[in-house]
C-alpha atoms as a PDB file:
ATOM      1  CA  UNK A   1      -0.137  -0.137   0.093  1.00  0.00           C
ATOM      2  CA  UNK A   2       1.437   3.196  -0.612  1.00  0.00           C
ATOM      3  CA  UNK A   3       0.652   5.560   2.193  1.00  0.00           C
ATOM      4  CA  UNK A   4       1.054   9.323   2.959  1.00  0.00           C
ATOM      5  CA  UNK A   5       1.615  11.081   6.091  1.00  0.00           C
ATOM      6  CA  UNK A   6      -0.336  14.283   6.734  1.00  0.00           C
ATOM      7  CA  UNK A   7       1.149  16.929   9.255  1.00  0.00           C
ATOM      8  CA  UNK A   8      -1.547  19.672  10.149  1.00  0.00           C
ATOM      9  CA  UNK A   9       0.246  22.740  11.086  1.00  0.00           C
ATOM     10  CA  UNK A  10      -2.095  25.196   9.519  1.00  0.00           C
ATOM     11  CA  UNK A  11      -3.617  26.213  13.407  1.00  0.00           C
ATOM     12  CA  UNK A  12      -2.912  29.882  14.583  1.00  0.00           C
ATOM     13  CA  UNK A  13      -1.234  29.191  17.806  1.00  0.00           C
ATOM     14  CA  UNK A  14      -3.262  31.267  19.453  1.00  0.00           C
ATOM     15  CA  UNK A  15      -3.022  29.641  23.026  1.00  0.00           C
ATOM     16  CA  UNK A  16       0.526  29.595  22.809  1.00  0.00           C
ATOM     17  CA  UNK A  17       0.687  33.089  21.803  1.00  0.00           C
ATOM     18  CA  UNK A  18      -1.462  34.405  24.264  1.00  0.00           C
ATOM     19  CA  UNK A  19       0.720  33.296  26.877  1.00  0.00           C
ATOM     20  CA  UNK A  20       3.980  33.241  25.293  1.00  0.00           C
ATOM     21  CA  UNK A  21       3.879  35.660  22.260  1.00  0.00           C
ATOM     22  CA  UNK A  22       5.636  33.351  19.283  1.00  0.00           C
ATOM     23  CA  UNK A  23       4.041  30.675  17.145  1.00  0.00           C
ATOM     24  CA  UNK A  24       4.861  27.339  19.022  1.00  0.00           C
ATOM     25  CA  UNK A  25       5.551  25.629  16.576  1.00  0.00           C
ATOM     26  CA  UNK A  26       8.806  27.998  15.583  1.00  0.00           C
ATOM     27  CA  UNK A  27      10.027  27.959  19.593  1.00  0.00           C
ATOM     28  CA  UNK A  28      13.610  27.051  19.374  1.00  0.00           C
ATOM     29  CA  UNK A  29      14.226  23.898  21.206  1.00  0.00           C
ATOM     30  CA  UNK A  30      18.153  23.089  21.501  1.00  0.00           C
ATOM     31  CA  UNK A  31      18.589  25.350  18.063  1.00  0.00           C
ATOM     32  CA  UNK A  32      15.734  23.882  16.202  1.00  0.00           C
ATOM     33  CA  UNK A  33      12.392  24.676  15.744  1.00  0.00           C
ATOM     34  CA  UNK A  34       9.803  22.446  17.388  1.00  0.00           C
ATOM     35  CA  UNK A  35       8.217  21.333  14.663  1.00  0.00           C
ATOM     36  CA  UNK A  36      11.730  20.031  13.258  1.00  0.00           C
ATOM     37  CA  UNK A  37      11.439  17.295  15.668  1.00  0.00           C
ATOM     38  CA  UNK A  38       7.403  16.018  14.450  1.00  0.00           C
ATOM     39  CA  UNK A  39       8.780  16.117  10.700  1.00  0.00           C
ATOM     40  CA  UNK A  40      12.027  14.539  11.386  1.00  0.00           C
ATOM     41  CA  UNK A  41      10.069  11.653  12.998  1.00  0.00           C
ATOM     42  CA  UNK A  42       7.718  11.541  10.383  1.00  0.00           C
ATOM     43  CA  UNK A  43       9.783  11.816   7.398  1.00  0.00           C
ATOM     44  CA  UNK A  44      12.430   9.468   8.753  1.00  0.00           C
ATOM     45  CA  UNK A  45       9.614   6.695   8.142  1.00  0.00           C
ATOM     46  CA  UNK A  46      10.320   6.804   4.669  1.00  0.00           C
ATOM     47  CA  UNK A  47       6.847   7.252   4.089  1.00  0.00           C
ATOM     48  CA  UNK A  48       5.915  10.687   1.847  1.00  0.00           C
ATOM     49  CA  UNK A  49       5.339  13.650   4.151  1.00  0.00           C
ATOM     50  CA  UNK A  50       3.173  16.472   3.346  1.00  0.00           C
ATOM     51  CA  UNK A  51       2.673  19.763   5.947  1.00  0.00           C
ATOM     52  CA  UNK A  52      -0.428  21.667   5.682  1.00  0.00           C
ATOM     53  CA  UNK A  53       0.264  25.406   6.210  1.00  0.00           C
ATOM     54  CA  UNK A  54      -1.484  28.888   5.957  1.00  0.00           C
ATOM     55  CA  UNK A  55      -0.214  30.586   3.055  1.00  0.00           C
ATOM     56  CA  UNK A  56       0.906  33.326   5.633  1.00  0.00           C
ATOM     57  CA  UNK A  57       2.880  30.970   7.706  1.00  0.00           C
ATOM     58  CA  UNK A  58       6.043  31.391   5.442  1.00  0.00           C
ATOM     59  CA  UNK A  59       8.495  30.543   8.504  1.00  0.00           C
ATOM     60  CA  UNK A  60       7.192  27.243   8.027  1.00  0.00           C
ATOM     61  CA  UNK A  61       7.030  26.688   4.315  1.00  0.00           C
ATOM     62  CA  UNK A  62      10.825  25.943   4.304  1.00  0.00           C
ATOM     63  CA  UNK A  63      10.813  23.418   6.324  1.00  0.00           C
ATOM     64  CA  UNK A  64       9.744  20.659   3.643  1.00  0.00           C
ATOM     65  CA  UNK A  65      10.535  20.797   0.232  1.00  0.00           C
ATOM     66  CA  UNK A  66       8.456  22.387  -2.065  1.00  0.00           C
ATOM     67  CA  UNK A  67       6.223  19.463  -3.294  1.00  0.00           C
ATOM     68  CA  UNK A  68       5.772  18.248  -0.085  1.00  0.00           C
ATOM     69  CA  UNK A  69       4.048  21.579   1.337  1.00  0.00           C
ATOM     70  CA  UNK A  70       0.270  22.053   0.834  1.00  0.00           C
ATOM     71  CA  UNK A  71      -0.828  25.850   1.686  1.00  0.00           C
ATOM     72  CA  UNK A  72      -4.744  26.464   1.819  1.00  0.00           C
ATOM     73  CA  UNK A  73      -6.208  29.408   3.830  1.00  0.00           C
ATOM     74  CA  UNK A  74      -7.981  26.844   5.967  1.00  0.00           C
ATOM     75  CA  UNK A  75     -10.834  27.345   8.361  1.00  0.00           C
ATOM     76  CA  UNK A  76     -10.193  24.438  10.709  1.00  0.00           C
ATOM     77  CA  UNK A  77      -8.882  20.951  11.489  1.00  0.00           C
ATOM     78  CA  UNK A  78     -11.393  19.455   9.085  1.00  0.00           C
ATOM     79  CA  UNK A  79     -10.862  21.753   6.157  1.00  0.00           C
ATOM     80  CA  UNK A  80      -7.028  21.039   6.634  1.00  0.00           C
ATOM     81  CA  UNK A  81      -7.679  17.226   6.295  1.00  0.00           C
ATOM     82  CA  UNK A  82     -10.123  17.726   3.343  1.00  0.00           C
ATOM     83  CA  UNK A  83      -7.293  19.898   1.523  1.00  0.00           C
ATOM     84  CA  UNK A  84      -4.752  17.832   2.056  1.00  0.00           C
ATOM     85  CA  UNK A  85      -6.188  14.289   1.278  1.00  0.00           C
ATOM     86  CA  UNK A  86      -7.831  15.880  -1.740  1.00  0.00           C
ATOM     87  CA  UNK A  87      -4.391  16.977  -2.588  1.00  0.00           C
ATOM     88  CA  UNK A  88      -2.975  13.359  -2.202  1.00  0.00           C
ATOM     89  CA  UNK A  89      -5.683  11.392  -3.627  1.00  0.00           C
ATOM     90  CA  UNK A  90      -3.330   9.047  -5.554  1.00  0.00           C
ATOM     91  CA  UNK A  91      -2.642   7.531  -1.870  1.00  0.00           C
ATOM     92  CA  UNK A  92      -4.134   4.317  -0.825  1.00  0.00           C
ATOM     93  CA  UNK A  93      -4.422   5.701   2.897  1.00  0.00           C
ATOM     94  CA  UNK A  94      -3.026   8.414   4.961  1.00  0.00           C
ATOM     95  CA  UNK A  95      -1.972   8.672   8.577  1.00  0.00           C
ATOM     96  CA  UNK A  96      -3.002  12.203   9.880  1.00  0.00           C
ATOM     97  CA  UNK A  97      -0.784  13.591  12.736  1.00  0.00           C
ATOM     98  CA  UNK A  98      -0.102  17.352  14.275  1.00  0.00           C
ATOM     99  CA  UNK A  99       2.430  19.070  13.962  1.00  0.00           C
ATOM    100  CA  UNK A 100       2.384  19.883  17.737  1.00  0.00           C
ATOM    101  CA  UNK A 101       3.161  16.611  18.756  1.00  0.00           C
ATOM    102  CA  UNK A 102       6.963  16.554  18.641  1.00  0.00           C
ATOM    103  CA  UNK A 103       7.575  13.246  20.443  1.00  0.00           C
ATOM    104  CA  UNK A 104       5.746  10.644  18.342  1.00  0.00           C
ATOM    105  CA  UNK A 105       8.209   8.021  17.118  1.00  0.00           C
ATOM    106  CA  UNK A 106       8.793   7.202  13.844  1.00  0.00           C
ATOM    107  CA  UNK A 107       7.773   3.433  14.450  1.00  0.00           C
ATOM    108  CA  UNK A 108       4.401   4.764  15.508  1.00  0.00           C
ATOM    109  CA  UNK A 109       3.572   5.989  12.504  1.00  0.00           C
ATOM    110  CA  UNK A 110       4.965   2.684  10.268  1.00  0.00           C
ATOM    111  CA  UNK A 111       2.225   0.787  12.837  1.00  0.00           C
ATOM    112  CA  UNK A 112      -0.531   3.006  12.023  1.00  0.00           C
ATOM    113  CA  UNK A 113       0.098   2.704   8.320  1.00  0.00           C
ATOM    114  CA  UNK A 114       0.982  -0.842   8.315  1.00  0.00           C
ATOM    115  CA  UNK A 115      -2.664  -1.474  10.163  1.00  0.00           C
ATOM    116  CA  UNK A 116      -4.419   0.017   7.435  1.00  0.00           C
ATOM    117  CA  UNK A 117      -3.745  -2.803   5.536  1.00  0.00           C
ATOM    118  CA  UNK A 118      -6.268  -4.636   7.639  1.00  0.00           C
ATOM    119  CA  UNK A 119      -8.815  -1.419   8.648  1.00  0.00           C
ATOM    120  CA  UNK A 120     -10.615   1.570   7.106  1.00  0.00           C
ATOM    121  CA  UNK A 121      -9.119   3.173  10.427  1.00  0.00           C
ATOM    122  CA  UNK A 122      -6.391   2.906  12.977  1.00  0.00           C
ATOM    123  CA  UNK A 123      -6.132   4.595  16.295  1.00  0.00           C
ATOM    124  CA  UNK A 124      -3.423   4.540  18.474  1.00  0.00           C
ATOM    125  CA  UNK A 125      -4.072   3.853  22.143  1.00  0.00           C
ATOM    126  CA  UNK A 126      -1.135   4.779  25.130  1.00  0.00           C
ATOM    127  CA  UNK A 127      -2.700   3.704  28.192  1.00  0.00           C
ATOM    128  CA  UNK A 128      -5.994   4.396  28.246  1.00  0.00           C
ATOM    129  CA  UNK A 129      -5.619   7.416  25.738  1.00  0.00           C
ATOM    130  CA  UNK A 130      -6.113   7.606  22.204  1.00  0.00           C
ATOM    131  CA  UNK A 131      -3.893   9.618  20.448  1.00  0.00           C
ATOM    132  CA  UNK A 132      -2.343  10.391  17.069  1.00  0.00           C
ATOM    133  CA  UNK A 133      -1.395   9.773  14.445  1.00  0.00           C
ATOM    134  CA  UNK A 134      -4.630   8.191  13.067  1.00  0.00           C
ATOM    135  CA  UNK A 135      -5.070   6.645  10.058  1.00  0.00           C
ATOM    136  CA  UNK A 136      -7.400   6.368   7.435  1.00  0.00           C
ATOM    137  CA  UNK A 137      -7.684   3.922   4.205  1.00  0.00           C
ATOM    138  CA  UNK A 138      -8.938   5.002   0.728  1.00  0.00           C
ATOM    139  CA  UNK A 139     -12.095   3.860   1.233  1.00  0.00           C
ATOM    140  CA  UNK A 140     -13.191   6.824   3.711  1.00  0.00           C
ATOM    141  CA  UNK A 141     -11.954   9.340   1.085  1.00  0.00           C
ATOM    142  CA  UNK A 142     -15.237  10.775   0.436  1.00  0.00           C
ATOM    143  CA  UNK A 143     -15.639  11.200   4.147  1.00  0.00           C
ATOM    144  CA  UNK A 144     -12.331  12.794   4.486  1.00  0.00           C
ATOM    145  CA  UNK A 145     -12.695  15.257   1.601  1.00  0.00           C
ATOM    146  CA  UNK A 146     -16.115  16.430   3.126  1.00  0.00           C
ATOM    147  CA  UNK A 147     -14.802  17.675   6.030  1.00  0.00           C
ATOM    148  CA  UNK A 148     -15.624  21.085   6.583  1.00  0.00           C
ATOM    149  CA  UNK A 149     -14.792  23.967   9.449  1.00  0.00           C
ATOM    150  CA  UNK A 150     -12.872  23.129  12.542  1.00  0.00           C
ATOM    151  CA  UNK A 151     -14.601  19.705  13.279  1.00  0.00           C
ATOM    152  CA  UNK A 152     -12.077  16.912  12.407  1.00  0.00           C
ATOM    153  CA  UNK A 153     -12.384  13.340  11.517  1.00  0.00           C
ATOM    154  CA  UNK A 154     -13.140  12.126  14.892  1.00  0.00           C
ATOM    155  CA  UNK A 155     -17.106  11.020  14.163  1.00  0.00           C
ATOM    156  CA  UNK A 156     -15.426   8.747  11.374  1.00  0.00           C
ATOM    157  CA  UNK A 157     -14.340   6.285  14.312  1.00  0.00           C
ATOM    158  CA  UNK A 158     -17.948   6.030  15.341  1.00  0.00           C
ATOM    159  CA  UNK A 159     -19.106   5.552  11.923  1.00  0.00           C
ATOM    160  CA  UNK A 160     -16.564   3.013  10.667  1.00  0.00           C
ATOM    161  CA  UNK A 161     -15.168  -0.167  12.466  1.00  0.00           C
ATOM    162  CA  UNK A 162     -11.598   0.422  13.528  1.00  0.00           C
ATOM    163  CA  UNK A 163      -8.680  -1.128  14.590  1.00  0.00           C
ATOM    164  CA  UNK A 164      -6.650  -0.078  17.910  1.00  0.00           C
ATOM    165  CA  UNK A 165      -3.411   0.078  18.152  1.00  0.00           C
ATOM    166  CA  UNK A 166      -1.713  -0.667  21.587  1.00  0.00           C
ATOM    167  CA  UNK A 167       1.396   1.094  22.146  1.00  0.00           C
ATOM    168  CA  UNK A 168       4.228   2.469  24.599  1.00  0.00           C
ATOM    169  CA  UNK A 169       4.909   5.465  22.513  1.00  0.00           C
ATOM    170  CA  UNK A 170       3.781   8.003  24.892  1.00  0.00           C
ATOM    171  CA  UNK A 171       4.101  10.622  22.595  1.00  0.00           C
ATOM    172  CA  UNK A 172       1.353   9.911  20.882  1.00  0.00           C
ATOM    173  CA  UNK A 173      -0.631  11.482  23.427  1.00  0.00           C
ATOM    174  CA  UNK A 174       1.271  14.512  24.190  1.00  0.00           C
ATOM    175  CA  UNK A 175       0.854  17.897  22.175  1.00  0.00           C
ATOM    176  CA  UNK A 176       2.320  21.119  22.779  1.00  0.00           C
ATOM    177  CA  UNK A 177      -0.611  23.737  23.050  1.00  0.00           C
ATOM    178  CA  UNK A 178       0.805  26.023  25.841  1.00  0.00           C
ATOM    179  CA  UNK A 179       4.038  27.350  27.194  1.00  0.00           C
ATOM    180  CA  UNK A 180       3.245  25.237  30.153  1.00  0.00           C
ATOM    181  CA  UNK A 181       3.003  22.391  28.256  1.00  0.00           C
ATOM    182  CA  UNK A 182       6.240  22.878  26.728  1.00  0.00           C
ATOM    183  CA  UNK A 183       7.910  23.618  30.057  1.00  0.00           C
ATOM    184  CA  UNK A 184       6.196  20.269  31.480  1.00  0.00           C
ATOM    185  CA  UNK A 185       7.530  17.941  28.217  1.00  0.00           C
ATOM    186  CA  UNK A 186      11.287  19.918  27.507  1.00  0.00           C
ATOM    187  CA  UNK A 187      13.251  17.150  29.281  1.00  0.00           C
ATOM    188  CA  UNK A 188      11.967  14.660  26.667  1.00  0.00           C
ATOM    189  CA  UNK A 189      13.570  16.380  23.764  1.00  0.00           C
ATOM    190  CA  UNK A 190      16.436  14.740  22.761  1.00  0.00           C
END
């Protein structure tokens, strides 16, 4: 199966900016922007990885090759997923992740992609918590491209049988939304 990773980075980082002043994905951690850690893990899988951003977020655009960049004036998570899946329509499935989740391991991306051979949807679970990345097979193309606004694809897990991927990857439930969450998890950066 030909699977693509879609990394969503089209949010405005409003909560982080209110408390910290800058875009959370660009906060320097040991000399690298936070998003670089998420991208490195995804790209190291060998799966084609696409980054979805707002057109005005030019500081994010140079972090990936031009052909892996999807820019669109998205009005929310659902719309970002729809645009990205439509842009990558030639794939057999998609592993969708959030750019503010820098600790997801490469093997978790690959395990989700592998499970798409057997299930239409895949959700990783660390202990008792579902997280990211999530996987969707090509059979859900129409549902994914119909997403609008800020409503993501969570409802598809209620409408479609899915596989649960039990994982020991704590990174699948850690996102960086505020300066406090960054401070709490700073020790996890390599």
